[in-house]
PDB file of N, CA and C in Angstrom:
ATOM      1  N   MET A   1     102.301 115.929  67.339  1.00  0.00           N
ATOM      2  CA  MET A   1     102.344 116.599  68.620  1.00  0.00           C
ATOM      3  C   MET A   1     102.583 115.577  69.724  1.00  0.00           C
ATOM      4  N   CYS A   2     103.263 116.015  70.750  1.00  0.00           N
ATOM      5  CA  CYS A   2     103.525 115.151  71.895  1.00  0.00           C
ATOM      6  C   CYS A   2     102.230 114.925  72.684  1.00  0.00           C
ATOM      7  N   GLN A   3     102.209 113.834  73.429  1.00  0.00           N
ATOM      8  CA  GLN A   3     101.030 113.508  74.239  1.00  0.00           C
ATOM      9  C   GLN A   3     101.433 113.316  75.691  1.00  0.00           C
ATOM     10  N   ARG A   4     100.566 113.736  76.583  1.00  0.00           N
ATOM     11  CA  ARG A   4     100.765 113.487  78.012  1.00  0.00           C
ATOM     12  C   ARG A   4     100.010 112.226  78.393  1.00  0.00           C
ATOM     13  N   ILE A   5     100.586 111.444  79.293  1.00  0.00           N
ATOM     14  CA  ILE A   5      99.933 110.248  79.825  1.00  0.00           C
ATOM     15  C   ILE A   5      99.416 110.623  81.213  1.00  0.00           C
ATOM     16  N   ALA A   6      98.096 110.663  81.343  1.00  0.00           N
ATOM     17  CA  ALA A   6      97.471 111.075  82.595  1.00  0.00           C
ATOM     18  C   ALA A   6      96.865 109.880  83.307  1.00  0.00           C
ATOM     19  N   GLN A   7      96.936 109.890  84.625  1.00  0.00           N
ATOM     20  CA  GLN A   7      96.261 108.878  85.435  1.00  0.00           C
ATOM     21  C   GLN A   7      95.232 109.574  86.304  1.00  0.00           C
ATOM     22  N   GLY A   8      94.076 108.915  86.464  1.00  0.00           N
ATOM     23  CA  GLY A   8      93.033 109.535  87.258  1.00  0.00           C
ATOM     24  C   GLY A   8      91.820 108.650  87.433  1.00  0.00           C
ATOM     25  N   THR A   9      90.740 109.279  87.866  1.00  0.00           N
ATOM     26  CA  THR A   9      89.483 108.602  88.166  1.00  0.00           C
ATOM     27  C   THR A   9      88.533 108.709  86.978  1.00  0.00           C
ATOM     28  N   ARG A  10      87.901 107.609  86.628  1.00  0.00           N
ATOM     29  CA  ARG A  10      86.846 107.594  85.609  1.00  0.00           C
ATOM     30  C   ARG A  10      85.514 107.558  86.351  1.00  0.00           C
ATOM     31  N   TRP A  11      84.645 108.512  86.062  1.00  0.00           N
ATOM     32  CA  TRP A  11      83.312 108.558  86.661  1.00  0.00           C
ATOM     33  C   TRP A  11      82.397 107.716  85.785  1.00  0.00           C
ATOM     34  N   ALA A  12      81.915 106.609  86.318  1.00  0.00           N
ATOM     35  CA  ALA A  12      81.217 105.591  85.526  1.00  0.00           C
ATOM     36  C   ALA A  12      79.897 106.077  84.931  1.00  0.00           C
ATOM     37  N   ARG A  13      79.159 106.883  85.651  1.00  0.00           N
ATOM     38  CA  ARG A  13      77.822 107.247  85.167  1.00  0.00           C
ATOM     39  C   ARG A  13      77.838 108.299  84.062  1.00  0.00           C
ATOM     40  N   CYS A  14      78.833 109.169  84.040  1.00  0.00           N
ATOM     41  CA  CYS A  14      78.902 110.180  82.972  1.00  0.00           C
ATOM     42  C   CYS A  14      80.081 109.939  82.031  1.00  0.00           C
ATOM     43  N   GLY A  15      81.037 109.099  82.437  1.00  0.00           N
ATOM     44  CA  GLY A  15      82.171 108.777  81.584  1.00  0.00           C
ATOM     45  C   GLY A  15      83.302 109.788  81.617  1.00  0.00           C
ATOM     46  N   HIS A  16      83.157 110.853  82.411  1.00  0.00           N
ATOM     47  CA  HIS A  16      84.209 111.864  82.473  1.00  0.00           C
ATOM     48  C   HIS A  16      85.437 111.333  83.209  1.00  0.00           C
ATOM     49  N   PHE A  17      86.566 111.967  82.929  1.00  0.00           N
ATOM     50  CA  PHE A  17      87.854 111.576  83.506  1.00  0.00           C
ATOM     51  C   PHE A  17      88.367 112.722  84.352  1.00  0.00           C
ATOM     52  N   GLN A  18      88.750 112.422  85.583  1.00  0.00           N
ATOM     53  CA  GLN A  18      89.324 113.425  86.476  1.00  0.00           C
ATOM     54  C   GLN A  18      90.805 113.113  86.634  1.00  0.00           C
ATOM     55  N   ARG A  19      91.634 113.959  86.036  1.00  0.00           N
ATOM     56  CA  ARG A  19      93.082 113.734  86.071  1.00  0.00           C
ATOM     57  C   ARG A  19      93.642 114.036  87.449  1.00  0.00           C
ATOM     58  N   HIS A  20      94.492 113.124  87.945  1.00  0.00           N
ATOM     59  CA  HIS A  20      95.179 113.339  89.217  1.00  0.00           C
ATOM     60  C   HIS A  20      96.609 113.812  88.988  1.00  0.00           C
ATOM     61  N   PHE A  21      97.274 113.236  87.997  1.00  0.00           N
ATOM     62  CA  PHE A  21      98.629 113.674  87.684  1.00  0.00           C
ATOM     63  C   PHE A  21      99.047 113.172  86.304  1.00  0.00           C
ATOM     64  N   ILE A  22     100.118 113.752  85.800  1.00  0.00           N
ATOM     65  CA  ILE A  22     100.705 113.342  84.524  1.00  0.00           C
ATOM     66  C   ILE A  22     101.813 112.341  84.846  1.00  0.00           C
ATOM     67  N   ARG A  23     101.679 111.133  84.317  1.00  0.00           N
ATOM     68  CA  ARG A  23     102.642 110.067  84.585  1.00  0.00           C
ATOM     69  C   ARG A  23     103.842 110.126  83.662  1.00  0.00           C
ATOM     70  N   GLY A  24     103.637 110.622  82.445  1.00  0.00           N
ATOM     71  CA  GLY A  24     104.723 110.662  81.483  1.00  0.00           C
ATOM     72  C   GLY A  24     104.319 111.390  80.223  1.00  0.00           C
ATOM     73  N   ILE A  25     105.250 111.406  79.286  1.00  0.00           N
ATOM     74  CA  ILE A  25     105.028 112.081  78.012  1.00  0.00           C
ATOM     75  C   ILE A  25     105.476 111.163  76.887  1.00  0.00           C
ATOM     76  N   VAL A  26     104.661 111.090  75.834  1.00  0.00           N
ATOM     77  CA  VAL A  26     105.033 110.377  74.614  1.00  0.00           C
ATOM     78  C   VAL A  26     105.552 111.434  73.654  1.00  0.00           C
ATOM     79  N   ASP A  27     106.828 111.360  73.353  1.00  0.00           N
ATOM     80  CA  ASP A  27     107.481 112.355  72.505  1.00  0.00           C
ATOM     81  C   ASP A  27     107.209 112.045  71.035  1.00  0.00           C
ATOM     82  N   CYS A  28     106.778 113.045  70.288  1.00  0.00           N
ATOM     83  CA  CYS A  28     106.481 112.858  68.862  1.00  0.00           C
ATOM     84  C   CYS A  28     107.742 112.909  68.000  1.00  0.00           C
ATOM     85  N   ALA A  29     108.846 113.346  68.580  1.00  0.00           N
ATOM     86  CA  ALA A  29     110.146 113.420  67.901  1.00  0.00           C
ATOM     87  C   ALA A  29     110.132 114.340  66.687  1.00  0.00           C
ATOM     88  N   SER A  30     109.338 115.395  66.750  1.00  0.00           N
ATOM     89  CA  SER A  30     109.274 116.362  65.655  1.00  0.00           C
ATOM     90  C   SER A  30     110.028 117.630  66.054  1.00  0.00           C
ATOM     91  N   TYR A  31     110.887 118.110  65.173  1.00  0.00           N
ATOM     92  CA  TYR A  31     111.608 119.354  65.460  1.00  0.00           C
ATOM     93  C   TYR A  31     110.669 120.561  65.417  1.00  0.00           C
ATOM     94  N   ARG A  32     109.468 120.406  64.835  1.00  0.00           N
ATOM     95  CA  ARG A  32     108.491 121.492  64.763  1.00  0.00           C
ATOM     96  C   ARG A  32     107.572 121.557  65.994  1.00  0.00           C
ATOM     97  N   CYS A  33     107.732 120.629  66.930  1.00  0.00           N
ATOM     98  CA  CYS A  33     106.916 120.602  68.157  1.00  0.00           C
ATOM     99  C   CYS A  33     107.764 121.133  69.313  1.00  0.00           C
ATOM    100  N   SER A  34     107.325 122.223  69.920  1.00  0.00           N
ATOM    101  CA  SER A  34     108.106 122.834  71.000  1.00  0.00           C
ATOM    102  C   SER A  34     108.141 121.981  72.268  1.00  0.00           C
ATOM    103  N   ASN A  35     107.291 120.959  72.370  1.00  0.00           N
ATOM    104  CA  ASN A  35     107.283 120.067  73.529  1.00  0.00           C
ATOM    105  C   ASN A  35     108.232 118.880  73.364  1.00  0.00           C
ATOM    106  N   SER A  36     108.759 118.689  72.187  1.00  0.00           N
ATOM    107  CA  SER A  36     109.612 117.539  71.895  1.00  0.00           C
ATOM    108  C   SER A  36     111.074 117.810  72.257  1.00  0.00           C
ATOM    109  N   VAL A  37     111.789 116.760  72.611  1.00  0.00           N
ATOM    110  CA  VAL A  37     113.221 116.899  72.863  1.00  0.00           C
ATOM    111  C   VAL A  37     113.972 117.192  71.566  1.00  0.00           C
ATOM    112  N   LYS A  38     113.371 116.915  70.430  1.00  0.00           N
ATOM    113  CA  LYS A  38     113.977 117.191  69.124  1.00  0.00           C
ATOM    114  C   LYS A  38     113.872 118.666  68.721  1.00  0.00           C
ATOM    115  N   HIS A  39     113.051 119.437  69.432  1.00  0.00           N
ATOM    116  CA  HIS A  39     112.888 120.857  69.127  1.00  0.00           C
ATOM    117  C   HIS A  39     114.210 121.571  69.407  1.00  0.00           C
ATOM    118  N   PRO A  40     114.735 122.298  68.429  1.00  0.00           N
ATOM    119  CA  PRO A  40     116.055 122.916  68.608  1.00  0.00           C
ATOM    120  C   PRO A  40     116.044 124.051  69.637  1.00  0.00           C
ATOM    121  N   ASP A  41     117.112 124.121  70.432  1.00  0.00           N
ATOM    122  CA  ASP A  41     117.247 125.188  71.422  1.00  0.00           C
ATOM    123  C   ASP A  41     117.351 126.555  70.768  1.00  0.00           C
ATOM    124  N   SER A  42     117.812 126.585  69.536  1.00  0.00           N
ATOM    125  CA  SER A  42     117.971 127.853  68.823  1.00  0.00           C
ATOM    126  C   SER A  42     116.632 128.464  68.416  1.00  0.00           C
ATOM    127  N   CYS A  43     115.572 127.689  68.444  1.00  0.00           N
ATOM    128  CA  CYS A  43     114.236 128.154  68.081  1.00  0.00           C
ATOM    129  C   CYS A  43     113.568 128.675  69.348  1.00  0.00           C
ATOM    130  N   ILE A  44     113.680 129.960  69.591  1.00  0.00           N
ATOM    131  CA  ILE A  44     113.171 130.535  70.837  1.00  0.00           C
ATOM    132  C   ILE A  44     112.081 131.554  70.555  1.00  0.00           C
ATOM    133  N   ARG A  45     111.254 131.780  71.553  1.00  0.00           N
ATOM    134  CA  ARG A  45     110.185 132.754  71.448  1.00  0.00           C
ATOM    135  C   ARG A  45     110.777 134.147  71.405  1.00  0.00           C
ATOM    136  N   PRO A  46     110.166 135.129  70.845  1.00  0.00           N
ATOM    137  CA  PRO A  46     108.837 135.171  70.262  1.00  0.00           C
ATOM    138  C   PRO A  46     108.812 134.775  68.793  1.00  0.00           C
ATOM    139  N   ASN A  47     109.977 134.481  68.214  1.00  0.00           N
ATOM    140  CA  ASN A  47     110.019 134.160  66.785  1.00  0.00           C
ATOM    141  C   ASN A  47     109.732 132.692  66.483  1.00  0.00           C
ATOM    142  N   CYS A  48     109.596 131.872  67.479  1.00  0.00           N
ATOM    143  CA  CYS A  48     109.305 130.445  67.276  1.00  0.00           C
ATOM    144  C   CYS A  48     107.832 130.286  66.889  1.00  0.00           C
ATOM    145  N   HIS A  49     107.598 129.721  65.717  1.00  0.00           N
ATOM    146  CA  HIS A  49     106.225 129.501  65.251  1.00  0.00           C
ATOM    147  C   HIS A  49     105.896 128.011  65.210  1.00  0.00           C
ATOM    148  N   CYS A  50     106.590 127.251  66.025  1.00  0.00           N
ATOM    149  CA  CYS A  50     106.377 125.803  66.072  1.00  0.00           C
ATOM    150  C   CYS A  50     105.097 125.471  66.836  1.00  0.00           C
ATOM    151  N   ILE A  51     104.690 124.225  66.738  1.00  0.00           N
ATOM    152  CA  ILE A  51     103.488 123.737  67.430  1.00  0.00           C
ATOM    153  C   ILE A  51     103.734 123.767  68.933  1.00  0.00           C
ATOM    154  N   ARG A  52     102.827 124.406  69.665  1.00  0.00           N
ATOM    155  CA  ARG A  52     102.961 124.497  71.128  1.00  0.00           C
ATOM    156  C   ARG A  52     101.912 123.669  71.858  1.00  0.00           C
ATOM    157  N   ASP A  53     100.927 123.193  71.119  1.00  0.00           N
ATOM    158  CA  ASP A  53      99.827 122.450  71.739  1.00  0.00           C
ATOM    159  C   ASP A  53     100.220 121.002  71.984  1.00  0.00           C
ATOM    160  N   TRP A  54      99.498 120.388  72.898  1.00  0.00           N
ATOM    161  CA  TRP A  54      99.627 118.958  73.159  1.00  0.00           C
ATOM    162  C   TRP A  54      98.543 118.225  72.380  1.00  0.00           C
ATOM    163  N   SER A  55      98.834 117.029  71.943  1.00  0.00           N
ATOM    164  CA  SER A  55      97.817 116.176  71.334  1.00  0.00           C
ATOM    165  C   SER A  55      96.914 115.663  72.453  1.00  0.00           C
ATOM    166  N   ALA A  56      95.817 115.020  72.106  1.00  0.00           N
ATOM    167  CA  ALA A  56      94.895 114.492  73.123  1.00  0.00           C
ATOM    168  C   ALA A  56      95.654 113.598  74.100  1.00  0.00           C
ATOM    169  N   GLU A  57      95.398 113.814  75.391  1.00  0.00           N
ATOM    170  CA  GLU A  57      96.128 113.035  76.381  1.00  0.00           C
ATOM    171  C   GLU A  57      95.670 111.584  76.396  1.00  0.00           C
ATOM    172  N   ILE A  58      96.572 110.721  76.788  1.00  0.00           N
ATOM    173  CA  ILE A  58      96.266 109.310  76.973  1.00  0.00           C
ATOM    174  C   ILE A  58      95.776 109.165  78.407  1.00  0.00           C
ATOM    175  N   GLN A  59      94.552 108.692  78.576  1.00  0.00           N
ATOM    176  CA  GLN A  59      93.947 108.615  79.907  1.00  0.00           C
ATOM    177  C   GLN A  59      94.012 107.192  80.442  1.00  0.00           C
ATOM    178  N   GLU A  60      94.669 107.026  81.570  1.00  0.00           N
ATOM    179  CA  GLU A  60      94.751 105.733  82.235  1.00  0.00           C
ATOM    180  C   GLU A  60      93.917 105.789  83.512  1.00  0.00           C
ATOM    181  N   ASP A  61      92.920 104.917  83.590  1.00  0.00           N
ATOM    182  CA  ASP A  61      92.063 104.871  84.782  1.00  0.00           C
ATOM    183  C   ASP A  61      92.790 104.131  85.898  1.00  0.00           C
ATOM    184  N   ILE A  62      92.937 104.801  87.056  1.00  0.00           N
ATOM    185  CA  ILE A  62      93.514 104.120  88.211  1.00  0.00           C
ATOM    186  C   ILE A  62      92.426 103.692  89.184  1.00  0.00           C
ATOM    187  N   ASP A  63      91.240 104.281  89.028  1.00  0.00           N
ATOM    188  CA  ASP A  63      90.078 103.816  89.772  1.00  0.00           C
ATOM    189  C   ASP A  63      88.817 104.304  89.065  1.00  0.00           C
ATOM    190  N   THR A  64      87.689 103.732  89.455  1.00  0.00           N
ATOM    191  CA  THR A  64      86.403 104.091  88.872  1.00  0.00           C
ATOM    192  C   THR A  64      85.428 104.401  89.997  1.00  0.00           C
ATOM    193  N   ALA A  65      84.748 105.525  89.868  1.00  0.00           N
ATOM    194  CA  ALA A  65      83.733 105.907  90.847  1.00  0.00           C
ATOM    195  C   ALA A  65      82.363 105.654  90.216  1.00  0.00           C
ATOM    196  N   ASP A  66      81.522 104.896  90.890  1.00  0.00           N
ATOM    197  CA  ASP A  66      80.193 104.571  90.379  1.00  0.00           C
ATOM    198  C   ASP A  66      79.241 105.713  90.703  1.00  0.00           C
ATOM    199  N   ASP A  67      79.468 106.835  90.050  1.00  0.00           N
ATOM    200  CA  ASP A  67      78.682 108.039  90.299  1.00  0.00           C
ATOM    201  C   ASP A  67      78.912 109.003  89.139  1.00  0.00           C
ATOM    202  N   TYR A  68      78.278 110.171  89.197  1.00  0.00           N
ATOM    203  CA  TYR A  68      78.530 111.250  88.257  1.00  0.00           C
ATOM    204  C   TYR A  68      79.687 112.094  88.796  1.00  0.00           C
ATOM    205  N   CYS A  69      80.439 112.729  87.905  1.00  0.00           N
ATOM    206  CA  CYS A  69      81.510 113.623  88.337  1.00  0.00           C
ATOM    207  C   CYS A  69      80.884 114.841  89.031  1.00  0.00           C
ATOM    208  N   TRP A  70      81.729 115.646  89.667  1.00  0.00           N
ATOM    209  CA  TRP A  70      81.236 116.795  90.429  1.00  0.00           C
ATOM    210  C   TRP A  70      80.463 117.768  89.550  1.00  0.00           C
ATOM    211  N   ALA A  71      80.965 118.036  88.367  1.00  0.00           N
ATOM    212  CA  ALA A  71      80.296 118.994  87.474  1.00  0.00           C
ATOM    213  C   ALA A  71      78.938 118.464  87.019  1.00  0.00           C
ATOM    214  N   CYS A  72      78.865 117.198  86.646  1.00  0.00           N
ATOM    215  CA  CYS A  72      77.593 116.618  86.209  1.00  0.00           C
ATOM    216  C   CYS A  72      76.606 116.526  87.362  1.00  0.00           C
ATOM    217  N   ARG A  73      77.100 116.180  88.545  1.00  0.00           N
ATOM    218  CA  ARG A  73      76.236 116.102  89.718  1.00  0.00           C
ATOM    219  C   ARG A  73      75.641 117.477  90.028  1.00  0.00           C
ATOM    220  N   SER A  74      76.470 118.503  89.962  1.00  0.00           N
ATOM    221  CA  SER A  74      76.007 119.871  90.212  1.00  0.00           C
ATOM    222  C   SER A  74      74.988 120.305  89.158  1.00  0.00           C
ATOM    223  N   ALA A  75      75.261 119.994  87.899  1.00  0.00           N
ATOM    224  CA  ALA A  75      74.326 120.360  86.822  1.00  0.00           C
ATOM    225  C   ALA A  75      72.995 119.648  86.993  1.00  0.00           C
ATOM    226  N   ARG A  76      73.032 118.389  87.403  1.00  0.00           N
ATOM    227  CA  ARG A  76      71.783 117.642  87.620  1.00  0.00           C
ATOM    228  C   ARG A  76      70.994 118.242  88.784  1.00  0.00           C
ATOM    229  N   GLU A  77      71.680 118.645  89.837  1.00  0.00           N
ATOM    230  CA  GLU A  77      71.001 119.243  90.987  1.00  0.00           C
ATOM    231  C   GLU A  77      70.389 120.594  90.629  1.00  0.00           C
ATOM    232  N   ARG A  78      71.108 121.389  89.821  1.00  0.00           N
ATOM    233  CA  ARG A  78      70.553 122.674  89.379  1.00  0.00           C
ATOM    234  C   ARG A  78      69.326 122.454  88.501  1.00  0.00           C
ATOM    235  N   ALA A  79      69.403 121.493  87.600  1.00  0.00           N
ATOM    236  CA  ALA A  79      68.282 121.200  86.700  1.00  0.00           C
ATOM    237  C   ALA A  79      67.072 120.694  87.496  1.00  0.00           C
ATOM    238  N   ALA A  80      67.308 119.877  88.512  1.00  0.00           N
ATOM    239  CA  ALA A  80      66.200 119.356  89.324  1.00  0.00           C
ATOM    240  C   ALA A  80      65.557 120.481  90.139  1.00  0.00           C
ATOM    241  N   GLY A  81      66.354 121.462  90.552  1.00  0.00           N
ATOM    242  CA  GLY A  81      65.829 122.594  91.337  1.00  0.00           C
ATOM    243  C   GLY A  81      64.979 123.535  90.505  1.00  0.00           C
ATOM    244  N   ARG A  82      65.176 123.562  89.210  1.00  0.00           N
ATOM    245  CA  ARG A  82      64.429 124.449  88.318  1.00  0.00           C
ATOM    246  C   ARG A  82      63.114 123.838  87.865  1.00  0.00           C
ATOM    247  N   SER A  83      62.986 122.548  88.021  1.00  0.00           N
ATOM    248  CA  SER A  83      61.752 121.873  87.536  1.00  0.00           C
ATOM    249  C   SER A  83      60.564 122.162  88.388  1.00  0.00           C
TER     250      SER A  83
END
């Protein structure tokens, strides 16, 4: 499967990645992958049963925030409010 190369922020305290944009694509060169340039134009939906999913994205950190991501911060605040 093809992979997307994403650039974004790494949240240091929880390790989560916040994608800002897709920088590029690594082509798997498989004719069975609908995301590949090797996928034939003649293979069209709805009869195309080729792979449509992306493989795990390649994450490139362009900066690091020394904090928890928004979701983790919110979850921690909710948990603290219930105690």
